[in-house]
Amino acid sequence: VAPVDLPACAVGESITATVVIEYVDTIRNVVHFKGPLGKTRIVKVMKPEFRTMLKNLKPGDQVALSYFEAMAVSVKPASN
């Protein structure tokens, strides 16, 4: 089977929501937050301007947040 014949797909979604900050690590630039459906997310903050903002966050703060979730899937033959 040629590689172009194998199925693949990618799906992405932009999410904007008010979240509740649960934990902030300004040394590792990580923030834990709980979304409106109660699911906790853990993200590493990459942009320097956003890392500066981490210093002002504390658990319990409510923040309007936009983020992008994506998933890609490809099918490959099993190796024997």
C-alpha atoms as a PDB file:
ATOM      1  CA  VAL A   1       0.000   0.000   0.000  1.00  0.00           C
ATOM      2  CA  ALA A   2       1.426   3.360  -0.993  1.00  0.00           C
ATOM      3  CA  PRO A   3       1.671   5.978   1.796  1.00  0.00           C
ATOM      4  CA  VAL A   4      -0.791   8.245  -0.013  1.00  0.00           C
ATOM      5  CA  ASP A   5      -3.440   5.497   0.197  1.00  0.00           C
ATOM      6  CA  LEU A   6      -3.372   5.346   4.014  1.00  0.00           C
ATOM      7  CA  PRO A   7      -6.131   7.208   5.846  1.00  0.00           C
ATOM      8  CA  ALA A   8      -5.259  10.164   8.056  1.00  0.00           C
ATOM      9  CA  CYS A   9      -7.062  13.100   9.594  1.00  0.00           C
ATOM     10  CA  ALA A  10      -6.584  16.077  11.875  1.00  0.00           C
ATOM     11  CA  VAL A  11      -9.139  17.883  14.010  1.00  0.00           C
ATOM     12  CA  GLY A  12      -8.770  21.098  15.945  1.00  0.00           C
ATOM     13  CA  GLU A  13     -10.962  23.324  18.026  1.00  0.00           C
ATOM     14  CA  SER A  14     -10.519  26.784  19.465  1.00  0.00           C
ATOM     15  CA  ILE A  15     -12.004  27.073  22.938  1.00  0.00           C
ATOM     16  CA  THR A  16     -12.835  30.288  24.779  1.00  0.00           C
ATOM     17  CA  ALA A  17     -14.078  29.928  28.327  1.00  0.00           C
ATOM     18  CA  THR A  18     -13.933  31.320  31.822  1.00  0.00           C
ATOM     19  CA  VAL A  19     -11.694  29.005  33.847  1.00  0.00           C
ATOM     20  CA  VAL A  20     -10.690  28.799  37.498  1.00  0.00           C
ATOM     21  CA  ILE A  21      -6.976  28.785  38.291  1.00  0.00           C
ATOM     22  CA  GLU A  22      -6.039  25.836  40.514  1.00  0.00           C
ATOM     23  CA  TYR A  23      -2.222  26.010  40.639  1.00  0.00           C
ATOM     24  CA  VAL A  24       0.527  28.263  39.256  1.00  0.00           C
ATOM     25  CA  ASP A  25       4.218  27.315  39.009  1.00  0.00           C
ATOM     26  CA  THR A  26       6.167  30.432  37.986  1.00  0.00           C
ATOM     27  CA  ILE A  27       9.498  28.564  38.009  1.00  0.00           C
ATOM     28  CA  ARG A  28       8.405  25.910  35.496  1.00  0.00           C
ATOM     29  CA  ASN A  29       5.870  28.258  33.799  1.00  0.00           C
ATOM     30  CA  VAL A  30       2.996  25.824  34.292  1.00  0.00           C
ATOM     31  CA  VAL A  31      -0.607  26.591  35.185  1.00  0.00           C
ATOM     32  CA  HIS A  32      -3.421  24.198  36.161  1.00  0.00           C
ATOM     33  CA  PHE A  33      -6.960  25.378  35.519  1.00  0.00           C
ATOM     34  CA  LYS A  34     -10.446  23.897  35.655  1.00  0.00           C
ATOM     35  CA  GLY A  35     -12.764  24.568  32.737  1.00  0.00           C
ATOM     36  CA  PRO A  36     -16.525  25.122  32.802  1.00  0.00           C
ATOM     37  CA  LEU A  37     -17.221  21.376  32.472  1.00  0.00           C
ATOM     38  CA  GLY A  38     -15.046  20.608  35.511  1.00  0.00           C
ATOM     39  CA  LYS A  39     -12.096  19.119  33.622  1.00  0.00           C
ATOM     40  CA  THR A  40      -8.645  20.165  34.827  1.00  0.00           C
ATOM     41  CA  ARG A  41      -6.060  21.130  32.196  1.00  0.00           C
ATOM     42  CA  ILE A  42      -2.345  21.579  32.738  1.00  0.00           C
ATOM     43  CA  VAL A  43      -0.489  23.842  30.307  1.00  0.00           C
ATOM     44  CA  LYS A  44       3.074  25.012  29.938  1.00  0.00           C
ATOM     45  CA  VAL A  45       3.134  28.724  29.132  1.00  0.00           C
ATOM     46  CA  MET A  46       5.565  29.296  26.273  1.00  0.00           C
ATOM     47  CA  LYS A  47       5.269  32.991  25.354  1.00  0.00           C
ATOM     48  CA  PRO A  48       7.365  35.337  27.519  1.00  0.00           C
ATOM     49  CA  GLU A  49       4.604  37.970  27.737  1.00  0.00           C
ATOM     50  CA  PHE A  50       2.205  35.341  29.142  1.00  0.00           C
ATOM     51  CA  ARG A  51       4.862  34.023  31.540  1.00  0.00           C
ATOM     52  CA  THR A  52       5.014  37.503  33.057  1.00  0.00           C
ATOM     53  CA  MET A  53       1.254  37.361  33.633  1.00  0.00           C
ATOM     54  CA  LEU A  54       1.622  34.140  35.657  1.00  0.00           C
ATOM     55  CA  LYS A  55       3.155  36.107  38.521  1.00  0.00           C
ATOM     56  CA  ASN A  56      -0.210  37.847  39.060  1.00  0.00           C
ATOM     57  CA  LEU A  57      -2.338  34.676  39.109  1.00  0.00           C
ATOM     58  CA  LYS A  58      -3.334  32.759  42.221  1.00  0.00           C
ATOM     59  CA  PRO A  59      -5.583  29.767  42.915  1.00  0.00           C
ATOM     60  CA  GLY A  60      -9.252  30.694  42.806  1.00  0.00           C
ATOM     61  CA  ASP A  61      -8.824  33.453  40.201  1.00  0.00           C
ATOM     62  CA  GLN A  62     -11.320  33.350  37.340  1.00  0.00           C
ATOM     63  CA  VAL A  63      -9.768  34.073  33.960  1.00  0.00           C
ATOM     64  CA  ALA A  64     -11.193  34.378  30.440  1.00  0.00           C
ATOM     65  CA  LEU A  65      -8.987  32.055  28.418  1.00  0.00           C
ATOM     66  CA  SER A  66      -8.715  31.011  24.776  1.00  0.00           C
ATOM     67  CA  TYR A  67      -6.786  27.914  23.807  1.00  0.00           C
ATOM     68  CA  PHE A  68      -6.586  25.432  20.949  1.00  0.00           C
ATOM     69  CA  GLU A  69      -6.869  21.664  21.192  1.00  0.00           C
ATOM     70  CA  ALA A  70      -5.865  19.438  18.286  1.00  0.00           C
ATOM     71  CA  MET A  71      -5.540  15.769  17.454  1.00  0.00           C
ATOM     72  CA  ALA A  72      -4.019  14.067  14.422  1.00  0.00           C
ATOM     73  CA  VAL A  73      -4.424  10.420  13.456  1.00  0.00           C
ATOM     74  CA  SER A  74      -2.675   8.377  10.797  1.00  0.00           C
ATOM     75  CA  VAL A  75      -2.889   4.685   9.944  1.00  0.00           C
ATOM     76  CA  LYS A  76       0.260   2.657   9.233  1.00  0.00           C
ATOM     77  CA  PRO A  77       0.686  -1.029   8.499  1.00  0.00           C
ATOM     78  CA  ALA A  78       1.631  -3.163  11.499  1.00  0.00           C
ATOM     79  CA  SER A  79       5.220  -4.376  11.488  1.00  0.00           C
ATOM     80  CA  ASN A  80       5.735  -8.120  11.797  1.00  0.00           C
END
